[in-house]
């Protein structure tokens, strides 16, 4: 993906995100399959490729990744049901079983919260940057010695001082 970003004019970035998400889901499926399939508590990690694909690329990667995760989960279940498909077995020693179940749950919750917090912070930063840019633009237009109006839907919603002086107050709310 990083290479694709540096060659943006030559590469479909969202296509790279889809490919990366599907590759990650495939690797996760292989690791979980070898760790015991559906019996492994870390199957909850299937949420991460879907979550990352949505956060990075929105709709285009969501469905392929969600479908790949569902297929991966179904494969894990089939491998657990039919011994001929089983590669590994989830059978930790007694105190470790509960500890690993708890660890998988805590890691899943913690990482989902981490990604949600990072995404929320990124959105807040974008909103803050947009407001700062809008304010800079507004201040620039207010000092401009030419009439500037912003018209939305046929209604004047903003005028700089020069436009108000030259044209009169035409702002209606």
N, C-alpha and C. Protein backbone atom coordinates (compact mmCIF):
# COMPACT_ATOMS: atom_id res chain seq x y z
N UNK A 1 0.84 -1.19 0.00
CA UNK A 1 0.00 0.00 0.00
C UNK A 1 0.87 1.24 0.00
N UNK A 2 1.96 1.22 0.80
CA UNK A 2 2.85 2.37 0.84
C UNK A 2 3.46 2.63 -0.53
N UNK A 3 3.88 1.59 -1.23
CA UNK A 3 4.42 1.75 -2.58
C UNK A 3 3.35 2.35 -3.49
N UNK A 4 2.11 1.88 -3.36
CA UNK A 4 1.02 2.39 -4.18
C UNK A 4 0.76 3.86 -3.93
N UNK A 5 0.89 4.29 -2.66
CA UNK A 5 0.70 5.71 -2.35
C UNK A 5 1.76 6.57 -3.01
N UNK A 6 2.98 6.05 -3.11
CA UNK A 6 4.04 6.83 -3.75
C UNK A 6 3.92 6.82 -5.27
N UNK A 7 3.15 5.89 -5.83
CA UNK A 7 2.91 5.80 -7.27
C UNK A 7 1.43 5.98 -7.57
N UNK A 8 0.81 6.93 -6.90
CA UNK A 8 -0.64 7.13 -6.94
C UNK A 8 -1.18 7.25 -8.35
N UNK A 9 -0.45 7.89 -9.25
CA UNK A 9 -0.97 8.09 -10.61
C UNK A 9 -0.98 6.80 -11.41
N UNK A 10 -0.26 5.78 -10.99
CA UNK A 10 -0.15 4.53 -11.74
C UNK A 10 -0.94 3.39 -11.13
N UNK A 11 -1.40 3.53 -9.89
CA UNK A 11 -1.96 2.40 -9.15
C UNK A 11 -3.34 2.75 -8.59
N UNK A 12 -4.25 1.77 -8.60
CA UNK A 12 -5.56 1.90 -7.98
C UNK A 12 -5.39 1.63 -6.48
N UNK A 13 -5.36 2.70 -5.67
CA UNK A 13 -5.10 2.57 -4.24
C UNK A 13 -6.18 1.74 -3.55
N UNK A 14 -7.43 1.98 -3.88
CA UNK A 14 -8.50 1.20 -3.24
C UNK A 14 -8.40 -0.26 -3.63
N UNK A 15 -7.96 -0.54 -4.86
CA UNK A 15 -7.73 -1.92 -5.26
C UNK A 15 -6.65 -2.57 -4.41
N UNK A 16 -5.60 -1.79 -4.10
CA UNK A 16 -4.55 -2.30 -3.21
C UNK A 16 -5.11 -2.58 -1.82
N UNK A 17 -5.98 -1.72 -1.33
CA UNK A 17 -6.59 -1.95 -0.02
C UNK A 17 -7.42 -3.22 -0.01
N UNK A 18 -8.17 -3.45 -1.09
CA UNK A 18 -8.96 -4.68 -1.19
C UNK A 18 -8.03 -5.89 -1.17
N UNK A 19 -7.00 -5.84 -1.99
CA UNK A 19 -6.04 -6.95 -2.05
C UNK A 19 -5.37 -7.20 -0.71
N UNK A 20 -4.95 -6.12 -0.03
CA UNK A 20 -4.31 -6.26 1.27
C UNK A 20 -5.27 -6.84 2.30
N UNK A 21 -6.51 -6.36 2.30
CA UNK A 21 -7.50 -6.86 3.25
C UNK A 21 -7.79 -8.35 3.02
N UNK A 22 -7.91 -8.73 1.75
CA UNK A 22 -8.17 -10.14 1.45
C UNK A 22 -6.96 -11.01 1.80
N UNK A 23 -5.76 -10.51 1.52
CA UNK A 23 -4.54 -11.25 1.88
C UNK A 23 -4.46 -11.42 3.40
N UNK A 24 -4.72 -10.34 4.15
CA UNK A 24 -4.70 -10.43 5.61
C UNK A 24 -5.71 -11.45 6.13
N UNK A 25 -6.89 -11.45 5.53
CA UNK A 25 -7.93 -12.39 5.95
C UNK A 25 -7.51 -13.83 5.64
N UNK A 26 -6.89 -14.04 4.49
CA UNK A 26 -6.41 -15.38 4.13
C UNK A 26 -5.34 -15.85 5.11
N UNK A 27 -4.38 -15.00 5.43
CA UNK A 27 -3.31 -15.36 6.36
C UNK A 27 -3.90 -15.66 7.74
N UNK A 28 -4.83 -14.82 8.18
CA UNK A 28 -5.48 -15.06 9.47
C UNK A 28 -6.19 -16.41 9.45
N UNK A 29 -6.87 -16.72 8.35
CA UNK A 29 -7.57 -18.01 8.24
C UNK A 29 -6.61 -19.18 8.34
N UNK A 30 -5.48 -19.07 7.68
CA UNK A 30 -4.48 -20.15 7.75
C UNK A 30 -3.92 -20.32 9.16
N UNK A 31 -3.63 -19.21 9.82
CA UNK A 31 -3.10 -19.28 11.19
C UNK A 31 -4.13 -19.89 12.13
N UNK A 32 -5.38 -19.42 12.03
CA UNK A 32 -6.42 -19.96 12.90
C UNK A 32 -6.72 -21.43 12.59
N UNK A 33 -6.68 -21.79 11.33
CA UNK A 33 -6.90 -23.18 10.94
C UNK A 33 -5.85 -24.07 11.57
N UNK A 34 -4.60 -23.63 11.54
CA UNK A 34 -3.53 -24.45 12.12
C UNK A 34 -3.57 -24.42 13.65
N UNK A 35 -4.29 -23.45 14.24
CA UNK A 35 -4.38 -23.35 15.69
C UNK A 35 -5.63 -24.03 16.25
N UNK A 36 -6.40 -24.70 15.41
CA UNK A 36 -7.55 -25.43 15.91
C UNK A 36 -8.88 -24.98 15.37
N UNK A 37 -8.88 -24.07 14.43
CA UNK A 37 -10.13 -23.67 13.77
C UNK A 37 -11.08 -22.97 14.69
N UNK A 38 -12.35 -23.34 14.63
CA UNK A 38 -13.40 -22.66 15.39
C UNK A 38 -13.24 -22.82 16.90
N UNK A 39 -12.47 -23.80 17.32
CA UNK A 39 -12.25 -23.98 18.75
C UNK A 39 -11.31 -22.93 19.32
N UNK A 40 -10.52 -22.32 18.48
CA UNK A 40 -9.55 -21.30 18.90
C UNK A 40 -10.30 -20.00 19.22
N UNK A 41 -10.09 -19.43 20.41
CA UNK A 41 -10.82 -18.21 20.77
C UNK A 41 -10.40 -16.98 19.96
N UNK A 42 -9.32 -17.08 19.24
CA UNK A 42 -8.82 -15.95 18.48
C UNK A 42 -9.55 -15.77 17.15
N UNK A 43 -10.61 -16.56 16.92
CA UNK A 43 -11.41 -16.35 15.71
C UNK A 43 -12.09 -14.97 15.74
N UNK A 44 -12.18 -14.39 16.91
CA UNK A 44 -12.74 -13.03 17.00
C UNK A 44 -11.86 -12.02 16.26
N UNK A 45 -10.64 -12.40 15.94
CA UNK A 45 -9.73 -11.51 15.20
C UNK A 45 -10.20 -11.27 13.76
N UNK A 46 -11.20 -12.02 13.30
CA UNK A 46 -11.75 -11.76 11.97
C UNK A 46 -12.36 -10.36 11.87
N UNK A 47 -12.63 -9.75 13.00
CA UNK A 47 -13.18 -8.40 12.98
C UNK A 47 -12.15 -7.38 12.48
N UNK A 48 -10.86 -7.65 12.66
CA UNK A 48 -9.84 -6.65 12.33
C UNK A 48 -9.68 -6.37 10.85
N UNK A 49 -9.60 -7.36 9.97
CA UNK A 49 -9.53 -7.00 8.55
C UNK A 49 -10.74 -6.21 8.08
N UNK A 50 -11.92 -6.57 8.59
CA UNK A 50 -13.14 -5.85 8.20
C UNK A 50 -13.08 -4.42 8.73
N UNK A 51 -12.73 -4.27 9.99
CA UNK A 51 -12.65 -2.95 10.60
C UNK A 51 -11.62 -2.07 9.89
N UNK A 52 -10.45 -2.61 9.64
CA UNK A 52 -9.41 -1.83 8.96
C UNK A 52 -9.81 -1.48 7.54
N UNK A 53 -10.46 -2.40 6.86
CA UNK A 53 -10.86 -2.09 5.49
C UNK A 53 -11.88 -0.96 5.46
N UNK A 54 -12.78 -0.94 6.41
CA UNK A 54 -13.78 0.13 6.47
C UNK A 54 -13.11 1.45 6.83
N UNK A 55 -12.21 1.42 7.79
CA UNK A 55 -11.55 2.66 8.21
C UNK A 55 -10.65 3.23 7.12
N UNK A 56 -10.02 2.36 6.35
CA UNK A 56 -9.09 2.83 5.33
C UNK A 56 -9.73 3.13 3.99
N UNK A 57 -10.73 2.35 3.61
CA UNK A 57 -11.22 2.48 2.23
C UNK A 57 -12.74 2.52 2.10
N UNK A 58 -13.45 2.45 3.16
CA UNK A 58 -14.91 2.56 3.13
C UNK A 58 -15.57 1.41 2.39
N UNK A 59 -16.56 1.72 1.57
CA UNK A 59 -17.45 0.70 1.02
C UNK A 59 -16.79 -0.30 0.09
N UNK A 60 -15.87 0.16 -0.73
CA UNK A 60 -15.32 -0.72 -1.76
C UNK A 60 -14.64 -1.95 -1.16
N UNK A 61 -14.01 -1.80 0.00
CA UNK A 61 -13.34 -2.95 0.60
C UNK A 61 -14.20 -3.67 1.64
N UNK A 62 -15.26 -3.03 2.10
CA UNK A 62 -16.05 -3.66 3.15
C UNK A 62 -16.61 -5.01 2.74
N UNK A 63 -17.36 -5.04 1.65
CA UNK A 63 -18.03 -6.30 1.27
C UNK A 63 -17.06 -7.42 0.94
N UNK A 64 -16.01 -7.19 0.13
CA UNK A 64 -15.09 -8.31 -0.11
C UNK A 64 -14.44 -8.83 1.18
N UNK A 65 -14.07 -7.91 2.06
CA UNK A 65 -13.43 -8.33 3.30
C UNK A 65 -14.43 -9.00 4.24
N UNK A 66 -15.63 -8.47 4.34
CA UNK A 66 -16.64 -9.09 5.19
C UNK A 66 -16.98 -10.49 4.70
N UNK A 67 -17.13 -10.63 3.39
CA UNK A 67 -17.43 -11.95 2.82
C UNK A 67 -16.27 -12.91 3.05
N UNK A 68 -15.03 -12.41 2.86
CA UNK A 68 -13.86 -13.26 3.10
C UNK A 68 -13.79 -13.69 4.56
N UNK A 69 -14.13 -12.79 5.49
CA UNK A 69 -14.13 -13.15 6.91
C UNK A 69 -15.21 -14.17 7.23
N UNK A 70 -16.37 -14.01 6.64
CA UNK A 70 -17.45 -14.99 6.85
C UNK A 70 -17.05 -16.35 6.29
N UNK A 71 -16.47 -16.35 5.10
CA UNK A 71 -16.00 -17.61 4.50
C UNK A 71 -14.92 -18.23 5.39
N UNK A 72 -14.01 -17.39 5.92
CA UNK A 72 -12.98 -17.89 6.84
C UNK A 72 -13.59 -18.51 8.08
N UNK A 73 -14.58 -17.85 8.65
CA UNK A 73 -15.26 -18.40 9.83
C UNK A 73 -15.97 -19.72 9.50
N UNK A 74 -16.62 -19.76 8.34
CA UNK A 74 -17.28 -21.00 7.93
C UNK A 74 -16.26 -22.12 7.74
N UNK A 75 -15.12 -21.78 7.15
CA UNK A 75 -14.06 -22.78 6.96
C UNK A 75 -13.58 -23.30 8.31
N UNK A 76 -13.42 -22.40 9.28
CA UNK A 76 -12.97 -22.83 10.61
C UNK A 76 -13.98 -23.79 11.24
N UNK A 77 -15.26 -23.48 11.04
CA UNK A 77 -16.31 -24.33 11.59
C UNK A 77 -16.32 -25.70 10.90
N UNK A 78 -16.20 -25.70 9.57
CA UNK A 78 -16.15 -26.97 8.83
C UNK A 78 -14.95 -27.80 9.25
N UNK A 79 -13.81 -27.15 9.40
CA UNK A 79 -12.59 -27.88 9.80
C UNK A 79 -12.75 -28.48 11.18
N UNK A 80 -13.50 -27.83 12.05
CA UNK A 80 -13.74 -28.38 13.40
C UNK A 80 -14.71 -29.55 13.37
N UNK A 81 -15.66 -29.51 12.42
CA UNK A 81 -16.68 -30.55 12.34
C UNK A 81 -16.18 -31.82 11.66
N UNK A 82 -15.30 -31.68 10.67
CA UNK A 82 -14.82 -32.83 9.89
C UNK A 82 -13.33 -33.01 10.10
N UNK A 83 -12.97 -34.12 10.71
CA UNK A 83 -11.57 -34.35 11.07
C UNK A 83 -10.64 -34.39 9.85
N UNK A 84 -11.16 -34.75 8.69
CA UNK A 84 -10.33 -34.81 7.49
C UNK A 84 -9.84 -33.40 7.09
N UNK A 85 -10.57 -32.38 7.48
CA UNK A 85 -10.19 -31.00 7.16
C UNK A 85 -9.34 -30.36 8.25
N UNK A 86 -9.22 -31.03 9.36
CA UNK A 86 -8.51 -30.45 10.51
C UNK A 86 -7.00 -30.54 10.32
N UNK A 87 -6.34 -29.43 10.56
CA UNK A 87 -4.88 -29.37 10.48
C UNK A 87 -4.28 -29.29 11.88
N UNK A 88 -4.84 -28.44 12.70
CA UNK A 88 -4.37 -28.27 14.07
C UNK A 88 -5.49 -28.50 15.05
N UNK A 89 -5.13 -28.52 16.32
CA UNK A 89 -6.13 -28.76 17.34
C UNK A 89 -5.93 -27.76 18.47
N UNK A 90 -7.02 -27.17 18.94
CA UNK A 90 -6.96 -26.25 20.07
C UNK A 90 -7.16 -27.07 21.33
N UNK A 91 -6.07 -27.29 22.05
CA UNK A 91 -6.14 -28.12 23.24
C UNK A 91 -5.06 -27.69 24.23
N UNK A 92 -5.15 -26.46 24.75
CA UNK A 92 -4.14 -26.00 25.71
C UNK A 92 -4.30 -26.70 27.07
N UNK A 93 -3.24 -26.69 27.82
CA UNK A 93 -3.28 -27.27 29.16
C UNK A 93 -4.25 -26.46 30.01
N UNK A 94 -4.87 -27.07 30.99
CA UNK A 94 -6.02 -26.54 31.70
C UNK A 94 -5.93 -25.08 32.17
N UNK A 95 -5.00 -24.61 32.91
CA UNK A 95 -5.13 -23.20 33.32
C UNK A 95 -4.95 -22.24 32.14
N UNK A 96 -4.25 -22.66 31.12
CA UNK A 96 -4.00 -21.77 29.98
C UNK A 96 -5.22 -21.59 29.10
N UNK A 97 -6.11 -22.55 29.09
CA UNK A 97 -7.30 -22.45 28.25
C UNK A 97 -8.13 -21.21 28.61
N UNK A 98 -8.46 -21.05 29.87
CA UNK A 98 -9.24 -19.89 30.32
C UNK A 98 -8.46 -18.60 30.13
N UNK A 99 -7.16 -18.65 30.42
CA UNK A 99 -6.33 -17.46 30.26
C UNK A 99 -6.31 -17.01 28.79
N UNK A 100 -6.17 -17.95 27.86
CA UNK A 100 -6.14 -17.60 26.44
C UNK A 100 -7.50 -17.13 25.94
N UNK A 101 -8.58 -17.71 26.44
CA UNK A 101 -9.93 -17.22 26.10
C UNK A 101 -10.09 -15.77 26.54
N UNK A 102 -9.68 -15.50 27.77
CA UNK A 102 -9.77 -14.15 28.31
C UNK A 102 -8.86 -13.19 27.53
N UNK A 103 -7.66 -13.64 27.21
CA UNK A 103 -6.71 -12.82 26.45
C UNK A 103 -7.26 -12.47 25.07
N UNK A 104 -7.85 -13.44 24.39
CA UNK A 104 -8.43 -13.18 23.07
C UNK A 104 -9.54 -12.14 23.17
N UNK A 105 -10.38 -12.25 24.19
CA UNK A 105 -11.46 -11.30 24.38
C UNK A 105 -10.91 -9.90 24.67
N UNK A 106 -9.97 -9.82 25.58
CA UNK A 106 -9.38 -8.52 25.95
C UNK A 106 -8.66 -7.90 24.76
N UNK A 107 -7.90 -8.69 24.01
CA UNK A 107 -7.20 -8.15 22.84
C UNK A 107 -8.19 -7.64 21.78
N UNK A 108 -9.25 -8.38 21.57
CA UNK A 108 -10.24 -7.96 20.58
C UNK A 108 -10.91 -6.66 21.00
N UNK A 109 -11.36 -6.60 22.22
CA UNK A 109 -12.01 -5.37 22.71
C UNK A 109 -11.03 -4.22 22.70
N UNK A 110 -9.83 -4.46 23.19
CA UNK A 110 -8.82 -3.40 23.25
C UNK A 110 -8.45 -2.86 21.88
N UNK A 111 -8.26 -3.74 20.92
CA UNK A 111 -7.86 -3.29 19.59
C UNK A 111 -9.01 -2.60 18.85
N UNK A 112 -10.22 -3.08 19.03
CA UNK A 112 -11.36 -2.39 18.41
C UNK A 112 -11.49 -0.99 19.01
N UNK A 113 -11.34 -0.88 20.33
CA UNK A 113 -11.39 0.44 20.97
C UNK A 113 -10.25 1.32 20.48
N UNK A 114 -9.06 0.75 20.32
CA UNK A 114 -7.91 1.51 19.83
C UNK A 114 -8.18 2.06 18.42
N UNK A 115 -8.65 1.19 17.50
CA UNK A 115 -8.92 1.64 16.14
C UNK A 115 -10.04 2.68 16.11
N UNK A 116 -11.06 2.47 16.91
CA UNK A 116 -12.17 3.44 16.95
C UNK A 116 -11.67 4.78 17.47
N UNK A 117 -10.82 4.76 18.50
CA UNK A 117 -10.28 6.01 19.04
C UNK A 117 -9.39 6.71 18.03
N UNK A 118 -8.55 5.95 17.34
CA UNK A 118 -7.67 6.56 16.32
C UNK A 118 -8.48 7.14 15.18
N UNK A 119 -9.50 6.44 14.75
CA UNK A 119 -10.35 6.93 13.66
C UNK A 119 -11.09 8.19 14.09
N UNK A 120 -11.65 8.16 15.29
CA UNK A 120 -12.36 9.32 15.81
C UNK A 120 -11.43 10.52 15.93
N UNK A 121 -10.23 10.30 16.41
CA UNK A 121 -9.26 11.39 16.53
C UNK A 121 -8.88 11.93 15.15
N UNK A 122 -8.73 11.06 14.17
CA UNK A 122 -8.41 11.51 12.81
C UNK A 122 -9.54 12.37 12.24
N UNK A 123 -10.78 11.96 12.50
CA UNK A 123 -11.91 12.76 12.03
C UNK A 123 -11.93 14.11 12.73
N UNK A 124 -11.68 14.13 14.04
CA UNK A 124 -11.65 15.40 14.77
C UNK A 124 -10.56 16.31 14.22
N UNK A 125 -9.41 15.76 13.93
CA UNK A 125 -8.31 16.57 13.37
C UNK A 125 -8.68 17.13 12.00
N UNK A 126 -9.35 16.33 11.18
CA UNK A 126 -9.78 16.81 9.87
C UNK A 126 -10.80 17.94 10.01
N UNK A 127 -11.75 17.79 10.92
CA UNK A 127 -12.75 18.84 11.14
C UNK A 127 -12.06 20.11 11.64
N UNK A 128 -11.13 19.95 12.56
CA UNK A 128 -10.39 21.09 13.09
C UNK A 128 -9.59 21.79 11.99
N UNK A 129 -8.93 21.02 11.14
CA UNK A 129 -8.16 21.60 10.03
C UNK A 129 -9.07 22.30 9.03
N UNK A 130 -10.23 21.70 8.76
CA UNK A 130 -11.18 22.34 7.83
C UNK A 130 -11.69 23.65 8.40
N UNK A 131 -12.01 23.66 9.68
CA UNK A 131 -12.48 24.91 10.30
C UNK A 131 -11.40 25.98 10.24
N UNK A 132 -10.15 25.60 10.50
CA UNK A 132 -9.05 26.56 10.45
C UNK A 132 -8.87 27.10 9.02
N UNK A 133 -8.96 26.22 8.03
CA UNK A 133 -8.84 26.65 6.64
C UNK A 133 -10.00 27.55 6.24
N UNK A 134 -11.21 27.21 6.67
CA UNK A 134 -12.37 28.04 6.38
C UNK A 134 -12.22 29.42 7.01
N UNK A 135 -11.73 29.46 8.24
CA UNK A 135 -11.54 30.74 8.92
C UNK A 135 -10.48 31.58 8.21
N UNK A 136 -9.40 30.95 7.80
CA UNK A 136 -8.35 31.67 7.06
C UNK A 136 -8.90 32.21 5.75
N UNK A 137 -9.68 31.42 5.05
CA UNK A 137 -10.29 31.85 3.80
C UNK A 137 -11.25 33.01 4.04
N UNK A 138 -12.06 32.89 5.10
CA UNK A 138 -13.01 33.96 5.43
C UNK A 138 -12.27 35.26 5.74
N UNK A 139 -11.23 35.17 6.55
CA UNK A 139 -10.45 36.37 6.89
C UNK A 139 -9.79 36.97 5.65
N UNK A 140 -9.31 36.11 4.76
CA UNK A 140 -8.69 36.61 3.53
C UNK A 140 -9.70 37.35 2.67
N UNK A 141 -10.89 36.79 2.54
CA UNK A 141 -11.91 37.43 1.71
C UNK A 141 -12.47 38.70 2.36
N UNK A 142 -12.48 38.75 3.68
CA UNK A 142 -12.98 39.95 4.34
C UNK A 142 -12.05 41.14 4.11
N UNK A 143 -10.76 40.89 3.97
CA UNK A 143 -9.80 41.97 3.77
C UNK A 143 -9.61 42.30 2.28
N UNK A 144 -10.18 41.52 1.42
CA UNK A 144 -10.06 41.73 -0.01
C UNK A 144 -10.86 42.96 -0.43
N UNK A 145 -10.26 43.81 -1.24
CA UNK A 145 -10.96 45.02 -1.70
C UNK A 145 -11.70 44.74 -2.99
N UNK A 146 -12.48 43.70 -2.97
CA UNK A 146 -13.37 43.33 -4.08
C UNK A 146 -14.57 42.65 -3.45
N UNK A 147 -15.71 42.81 -4.08
CA UNK A 147 -16.93 42.22 -3.54
C UNK A 147 -16.97 40.72 -3.74
N UNK A 148 -17.17 40.01 -2.64
CA UNK A 148 -17.27 38.55 -2.70
C UNK A 148 -18.55 38.14 -1.96
N UNK A 149 -19.36 37.34 -2.62
CA UNK A 149 -20.56 36.78 -2.00
C UNK A 149 -20.53 35.27 -2.15
N UNK A 150 -21.08 34.60 -1.16
CA UNK A 150 -21.28 33.16 -1.25
C UNK A 150 -22.77 32.96 -1.38
N UNK A 151 -23.16 32.30 -2.48
CA UNK A 151 -24.57 32.10 -2.76
C UNK A 151 -24.84 30.59 -2.79
N UNK A 152 -25.81 30.18 -2.00
CA UNK A 152 -26.22 28.77 -1.96
C UNK A 152 -27.70 28.70 -2.25
N UNK A 153 -28.05 27.95 -3.27
CA UNK A 153 -29.46 27.77 -3.62
C UNK A 153 -30.15 29.08 -3.98
N UNK A 154 -29.42 29.99 -4.59
CA UNK A 154 -30.01 31.26 -4.99
C UNK A 154 -30.10 32.29 -3.88
N UNK A 155 -29.61 31.97 -2.70
CA UNK A 155 -29.66 32.88 -1.56
C UNK A 155 -28.25 33.26 -1.14
N UNK A 156 -28.03 34.54 -0.91
CA UNK A 156 -26.73 35.00 -0.44
C UNK A 156 -26.59 34.60 1.03
N UNK A 157 -25.57 33.82 1.32
CA UNK A 157 -25.37 33.36 2.70
C UNK A 157 -24.19 34.04 3.37
N UNK A 158 -23.34 34.71 2.56
CA UNK A 158 -22.20 35.43 3.15
C UNK A 158 -21.73 36.50 2.19
N UNK A 159 -21.36 37.65 2.75
CA UNK A 159 -20.78 38.74 1.98
C UNK A 159 -19.58 39.28 2.73
N UNK A 160 -18.53 39.66 1.98
CA UNK A 160 -17.43 40.35 2.64
C UNK A 160 -17.81 41.82 2.79
N UNK A 161 -17.07 42.58 3.60
CA UNK A 161 -17.43 43.99 3.83
C UNK A 161 -17.51 44.82 2.55
N UNK A 162 -16.60 44.59 1.60
CA UNK A 162 -16.62 45.36 0.35
C UNK A 162 -17.92 45.11 -0.42
N UNK A 163 -18.38 43.86 -0.45
CA UNK A 163 -19.64 43.54 -1.14
C UNK A 163 -20.82 44.18 -0.42
N UNK A 164 -20.81 44.17 0.93
CA UNK A 164 -21.90 44.81 1.67
C UNK A 164 -21.94 46.31 1.38
N UNK A 165 -20.75 46.95 1.29
CA UNK A 165 -20.70 48.38 1.00
C UNK A 165 -21.17 48.68 -0.42
N UNK A 166 -20.71 47.88 -1.36
CA UNK A 166 -21.04 48.12 -2.78
C UNK A 166 -22.46 47.71 -3.12
N UNK A 167 -22.93 46.60 -2.59
CA UNK A 167 -24.22 46.05 -3.00
C UNK A 167 -25.31 46.20 -1.94
N UNK A 168 -24.93 46.52 -0.74
CA UNK A 168 -25.90 46.55 0.36
C UNK A 168 -26.03 45.16 0.97
N UNK A 169 -26.62 45.15 2.14
CA UNK A 169 -26.82 43.87 2.84
C UNK A 169 -27.81 43.01 2.07
N UNK A 170 -27.33 41.88 1.55
CA UNK A 170 -28.19 40.98 0.75
C UNK A 170 -28.25 39.59 1.38
N UNK A 171 -27.82 39.53 2.59
CA UNK A 171 -27.77 38.23 3.26
C UNK A 171 -29.09 37.96 3.95
N UNK A 172 -29.67 36.82 3.66
CA UNK A 172 -30.95 36.44 4.25
C UNK A 172 -30.78 35.10 4.95
N UNK A 173 -31.35 34.98 6.12
CA UNK A 173 -31.24 33.71 6.84
C UNK A 173 -32.60 33.22 7.24
